[in-house]
Amino acid sequence: MFEKLYDEQETINVRFVGFTTEHVRYDFGIVHTNMFFGKPLVICMQTGRSTLLDLNDINNYDYLKNVFNINSIKEAEDLALFFEETIPFVPTVEQYD
């Protein structure tokens, strides 16, 4: 038995972006939705790893290294630069009133 917490349907905006840095290729799907406190869902198409990202998360290099299994701070910095340009600032919204 389970208690359904939510069951929402919406038309969403999805962006697929592939790019390379000096040493690494990345392919991401970025899902913009009204769910998840306004944070976009970012999915690495190569590994299947995903996370919700906002500006605080983007600037946390250790977090990016961990969630996307990145080996170096330099790679995390490159990825943060990409996300800063790609993911618009959206104020965090209260989802659970």
N, C-alpha and C. Protein backbone atom coordinates (compact mmCIF):
# COMPACT_ATOMS: atom_id res chain seq x y z
N MET A 1 0.83 -1.18 0.00
CA MET A 1 0.00 0.00 0.00
C MET A 1 0.88 1.24 0.00
N PHE A 2 0.48 2.25 -0.70
CA PHE A 2 1.23 3.49 -0.74
C PHE A 2 0.28 4.67 -0.80
N GLU A 3 0.77 5.80 -0.37
CA GLU A 3 0.01 7.05 -0.41
C GLU A 3 0.62 7.93 -1.49
N LYS A 4 -0.17 8.24 -2.49
CA LYS A 4 0.32 9.06 -3.59
C LYS A 4 0.51 10.49 -3.10
N LEU A 5 1.71 11.03 -3.31
CA LEU A 5 2.01 12.38 -2.87
C LEU A 5 1.71 13.41 -3.95
N TYR A 6 1.97 13.06 -5.19
CA TYR A 6 1.60 13.93 -6.30
C TYR A 6 1.60 13.12 -7.58
N ASP A 7 0.86 13.62 -8.55
CA ASP A 7 0.77 13.01 -9.86
C ASP A 7 0.46 14.14 -10.83
N GLU A 8 1.51 14.78 -11.32
CA GLU A 8 1.37 15.98 -12.14
C GLU A 8 1.73 15.69 -13.59
N GLN A 9 1.06 16.35 -14.49
CA GLN A 9 1.44 16.33 -15.90
C GLN A 9 1.58 17.77 -16.35
N GLU A 10 2.61 18.03 -17.15
CA GLU A 10 2.80 19.36 -17.68
C GLU A 10 3.58 19.25 -18.99
N THR A 11 3.43 20.26 -19.79
CA THR A 11 4.25 20.37 -20.98
C THR A 11 5.53 21.08 -20.56
N ILE A 12 6.66 20.44 -20.85
CA ILE A 12 7.93 20.98 -20.35
C ILE A 12 8.86 21.35 -21.49
N ASN A 13 9.86 22.12 -21.15
CA ASN A 13 10.89 22.53 -22.09
C ASN A 13 12.14 21.69 -21.79
N VAL A 14 12.62 20.97 -22.80
CA VAL A 14 13.82 20.15 -22.66
C VAL A 14 14.85 20.63 -23.67
N ARG A 15 16.07 20.82 -23.21
CA ARG A 15 17.16 21.24 -24.08
C ARG A 15 18.25 20.17 -24.02
N PHE A 16 18.74 19.78 -25.18
CA PHE A 16 19.84 18.82 -25.26
C PHE A 16 21.07 19.57 -25.77
N VAL A 17 22.17 19.46 -25.02
CA VAL A 17 23.39 20.19 -25.35
C VAL A 17 24.58 19.25 -25.26
N GLY A 18 25.40 19.24 -26.30
CA GLY A 18 26.65 18.51 -26.29
C GLY A 18 27.79 19.49 -26.52
N PHE A 19 28.87 19.32 -25.79
CA PHE A 19 30.01 20.21 -25.95
C PHE A 19 31.27 19.51 -25.45
N THR A 20 32.42 20.09 -25.80
CA THR A 20 33.68 19.55 -25.31
C THR A 20 34.46 20.64 -24.60
N THR A 21 35.26 20.20 -23.67
CA THR A 21 36.26 21.07 -23.05
C THR A 21 37.61 20.61 -23.59
N GLU A 22 38.66 21.05 -22.96
CA GLU A 22 39.99 20.66 -23.43
C GLU A 22 40.20 19.15 -23.41
N HIS A 23 39.59 18.47 -22.42
CA HIS A 23 39.86 17.04 -22.25
C HIS A 23 38.61 16.15 -22.23
N VAL A 24 37.42 16.73 -22.14
CA VAL A 24 36.22 15.92 -21.88
C VAL A 24 35.09 16.33 -22.81
N ARG A 25 34.29 15.34 -23.20
CA ARG A 25 33.05 15.60 -23.93
C ARG A 25 31.88 15.41 -22.97
N TYR A 26 30.89 16.30 -23.08
CA TYR A 26 29.68 16.22 -22.27
C TYR A 26 28.46 16.25 -23.16
N ASP A 27 27.42 15.51 -22.77
CA ASP A 27 26.12 15.53 -23.41
C ASP A 27 25.07 15.58 -22.30
N PHE A 28 24.30 16.67 -22.26
CA PHE A 28 23.33 16.85 -21.20
C PHE A 28 21.93 17.06 -21.76
N GLY A 29 20.96 16.59 -21.02
CA GLY A 29 19.57 16.96 -21.20
C GLY A 29 19.20 17.86 -20.03
N ILE A 30 18.61 19.01 -20.32
CA ILE A 30 18.23 19.95 -19.26
C ILE A 30 16.72 20.12 -19.32
N VAL A 31 16.04 19.70 -18.27
CA VAL A 31 14.58 19.70 -18.21
C VAL A 31 14.11 20.86 -17.35
N HIS A 32 13.42 21.80 -17.98
CA HIS A 32 12.85 22.94 -17.25
C HIS A 32 11.39 22.62 -16.95
N THR A 33 11.05 22.66 -15.69
CA THR A 33 9.71 22.27 -15.23
C THR A 33 9.28 23.18 -14.10
N ASN A 34 8.01 23.13 -13.77
CA ASN A 34 7.49 23.88 -12.63
C ASN A 34 7.67 23.11 -11.32
N MET A 35 8.09 21.87 -11.42
CA MET A 35 8.32 21.04 -10.24
C MET A 35 9.72 21.32 -9.69
N PHE A 36 10.05 20.70 -8.59
CA PHE A 36 11.39 20.69 -8.03
C PHE A 36 11.88 22.08 -7.62
N PHE A 37 10.99 22.86 -7.04
CA PHE A 37 11.35 24.16 -6.49
C PHE A 37 11.91 25.11 -7.54
N GLY A 38 11.59 24.90 -8.81
CA GLY A 38 12.08 25.76 -9.88
C GLY A 38 13.45 25.40 -10.40
N LYS A 39 14.08 24.37 -9.84
CA LYS A 39 15.40 23.95 -10.30
C LYS A 39 15.26 23.07 -11.53
N PRO A 40 16.07 23.31 -12.57
CA PRO A 40 16.05 22.41 -13.72
C PRO A 40 16.67 21.06 -13.36
N LEU A 41 16.16 20.02 -13.98
CA LEU A 41 16.71 18.68 -13.83
C LEU A 41 17.75 18.50 -14.92
N VAL A 42 19.00 18.24 -14.54
CA VAL A 42 20.10 18.09 -15.49
C VAL A 42 20.51 16.63 -15.51
N ILE A 43 20.50 16.04 -16.71
CA ILE A 43 20.81 14.62 -16.87
C ILE A 43 22.02 14.48 -17.78
N CYS A 44 23.05 13.80 -17.31
CA CYS A 44 24.19 13.48 -18.15
C CYS A 44 23.78 12.30 -19.02
N MET A 45 23.75 12.51 -20.31
CA MET A 45 23.28 11.49 -21.24
C MET A 45 24.28 10.34 -21.38
N GLN A 46 25.53 10.56 -20.99
CA GLN A 46 26.55 9.52 -21.10
C GLN A 46 26.50 8.55 -19.92
N THR A 47 26.23 9.07 -18.73
CA THR A 47 26.28 8.22 -17.53
C THR A 47 24.91 7.97 -16.92
N GLY A 48 23.92 8.77 -17.28
CA GLY A 48 22.61 8.65 -16.66
C GLY A 48 22.51 9.35 -15.32
N ARG A 49 23.59 9.94 -14.85
CA ARG A 49 23.56 10.67 -13.58
C ARG A 49 22.74 11.93 -13.75
N SER A 50 22.00 12.28 -12.72
CA SER A 50 21.14 13.46 -12.81
C SER A 50 21.10 14.19 -11.48
N THR A 51 20.74 15.46 -11.56
CA THR A 51 20.60 16.27 -10.36
C THR A 51 19.74 17.48 -10.67
N LEU A 52 19.24 18.10 -9.64
CA LEU A 52 18.57 19.39 -9.75
C LEU A 52 19.62 20.45 -9.47
N LEU A 53 19.71 21.47 -10.33
CA LEU A 53 20.75 22.48 -10.16
C LEU A 53 20.17 23.87 -10.03
N ASP A 54 20.73 24.63 -9.10
CA ASP A 54 20.50 26.07 -9.03
C ASP A 54 21.86 26.74 -8.93
N LEU A 55 21.89 28.05 -8.81
CA LEU A 55 23.14 28.79 -8.81
C LEU A 55 24.08 28.34 -7.69
N ASN A 56 23.55 28.06 -6.52
CA ASN A 56 24.39 27.58 -5.42
C ASN A 56 25.05 26.25 -5.74
N ASP A 57 24.30 25.36 -6.37
CA ASP A 57 24.84 24.05 -6.74
C ASP A 57 25.91 24.19 -7.81
N ILE A 58 25.66 25.07 -8.78
CA ILE A 58 26.59 25.26 -9.88
C ILE A 58 27.94 25.74 -9.38
N ASN A 59 27.95 26.58 -8.38
CA ASN A 59 29.21 27.13 -7.86
C ASN A 59 29.87 26.25 -6.80
N ASN A 60 29.29 25.10 -6.52
CA ASN A 60 29.86 24.16 -5.57
C ASN A 60 30.59 23.07 -6.36
N TYR A 61 31.88 23.29 -6.59
CA TYR A 61 32.66 22.38 -7.45
C TYR A 61 32.72 20.97 -6.89
N ASP A 62 32.82 20.83 -5.58
CA ASP A 62 32.83 19.49 -4.99
C ASP A 62 31.52 18.76 -5.27
N TYR A 63 30.42 19.48 -5.22
CA TYR A 63 29.13 18.86 -5.52
C TYR A 63 29.09 18.40 -6.98
N LEU A 64 29.52 19.26 -7.90
CA LEU A 64 29.54 18.88 -9.32
C LEU A 64 30.45 17.68 -9.56
N LYS A 65 31.61 17.67 -8.91
CA LYS A 65 32.52 16.53 -9.05
C LYS A 65 31.84 15.25 -8.61
N ASN A 66 31.16 15.29 -7.50
CA ASN A 66 30.52 14.11 -6.95
C ASN A 66 29.34 13.65 -7.81
N VAL A 67 28.44 14.56 -8.13
CA VAL A 67 27.22 14.15 -8.81
C VAL A 67 27.47 13.69 -10.25
N PHE A 68 28.45 14.29 -10.92
CA PHE A 68 28.73 13.90 -12.30
C PHE A 68 30.00 13.06 -12.45
N ASN A 69 30.53 12.59 -11.32
CA ASN A 69 31.71 11.72 -11.30
C ASN A 69 32.87 12.33 -12.08
N ILE A 70 33.19 13.58 -11.74
CA ILE A 70 34.26 14.32 -12.39
C ILE A 70 35.54 14.15 -11.57
N ASN A 71 36.66 14.05 -12.27
CA ASN A 71 37.93 13.74 -11.60
C ASN A 71 38.68 14.95 -11.07
N SER A 72 38.51 16.12 -11.67
CA SER A 72 39.35 17.25 -11.26
C SER A 72 38.53 18.51 -11.03
N ILE A 73 39.09 19.40 -10.23
CA ILE A 73 38.46 20.70 -9.98
C ILE A 73 38.37 21.48 -11.29
N LYS A 74 39.39 21.40 -12.15
CA LYS A 74 39.39 22.11 -13.42
C LYS A 74 38.19 21.70 -14.27
N GLU A 75 37.90 20.41 -14.34
CA GLU A 75 36.74 19.93 -15.08
C GLU A 75 35.44 20.47 -14.46
N ALA A 76 35.37 20.48 -13.13
CA ALA A 76 34.19 21.01 -12.44
C ALA A 76 34.03 22.50 -12.71
N GLU A 77 35.13 23.23 -12.74
CA GLU A 77 35.08 24.67 -13.05
C GLU A 77 34.57 24.89 -14.47
N ASP A 78 35.07 24.09 -15.43
CA ASP A 78 34.60 24.20 -16.82
C ASP A 78 33.11 23.92 -16.91
N LEU A 79 32.68 22.89 -16.21
CA LEU A 79 31.27 22.53 -16.22
C LEU A 79 30.43 23.63 -15.58
N ALA A 80 30.91 24.22 -14.50
CA ALA A 80 30.20 25.32 -13.84
C ALA A 80 30.04 26.50 -14.79
N LEU A 81 31.07 26.83 -15.54
CA LEU A 81 30.98 27.92 -16.51
C LEU A 81 29.90 27.64 -17.55
N PHE A 82 29.86 26.41 -18.03
CA PHE A 82 28.82 26.04 -18.98
C PHE A 82 27.43 26.19 -18.36
N PHE A 83 27.24 25.67 -17.15
CA PHE A 83 25.93 25.75 -16.51
C PHE A 83 25.53 27.19 -16.21
N GLU A 84 26.49 28.03 -15.83
CA GLU A 84 26.18 29.44 -15.56
C GLU A 84 25.61 30.13 -16.80
N GLU A 85 26.11 29.76 -17.97
CA GLU A 85 25.63 30.34 -19.23
C GLU A 85 24.35 29.69 -19.72
N THR A 86 24.11 28.45 -19.33
CA THR A 86 23.02 27.66 -19.90
C THR A 86 21.76 27.65 -19.04
N ILE A 87 21.95 27.63 -17.73
CA ILE A 87 20.81 27.50 -16.82
C ILE A 87 20.45 28.89 -16.30
N PRO A 88 19.27 29.37 -16.63
CA PRO A 88 18.89 30.71 -16.18
C PRO A 88 18.67 30.75 -14.67
N PHE A 89 18.92 31.92 -14.10
CA PHE A 89 18.64 32.09 -12.68
C PHE A 89 17.14 32.09 -12.48
N VAL A 90 16.69 31.23 -11.61
CA VAL A 90 15.26 31.16 -11.24
C VAL A 90 15.21 31.17 -9.73
N PRO A 91 14.52 32.14 -9.15
CA PRO A 91 14.42 32.13 -7.69
C PRO A 91 13.77 30.84 -7.21
N THR A 92 14.28 30.31 -6.14
CA THR A 92 13.71 29.10 -5.57
C THR A 92 12.30 29.37 -5.11
N VAL A 93 11.38 28.48 -5.48
CA VAL A 93 9.99 28.66 -5.10
C VAL A 93 9.63 27.64 -4.04
N GLU A 94 8.68 28.00 -3.21
CA GLU A 94 8.20 27.10 -2.17
C GLU A 94 7.25 26.11 -2.81
N GLN A 95 7.59 24.82 -2.77
CA GLN A 95 6.77 23.82 -3.41
C GLN A 95 5.77 23.18 -2.45
N TYR A 96 6.16 23.03 -1.22
CA TYR A 96 5.30 22.34 -0.25
C TYR A 96 4.80 23.35 0.76
N ASP A 97 3.60 23.84 0.58
CA ASP A 97 3.03 24.83 1.50
C ASP A 97 2.47 24.16 2.73
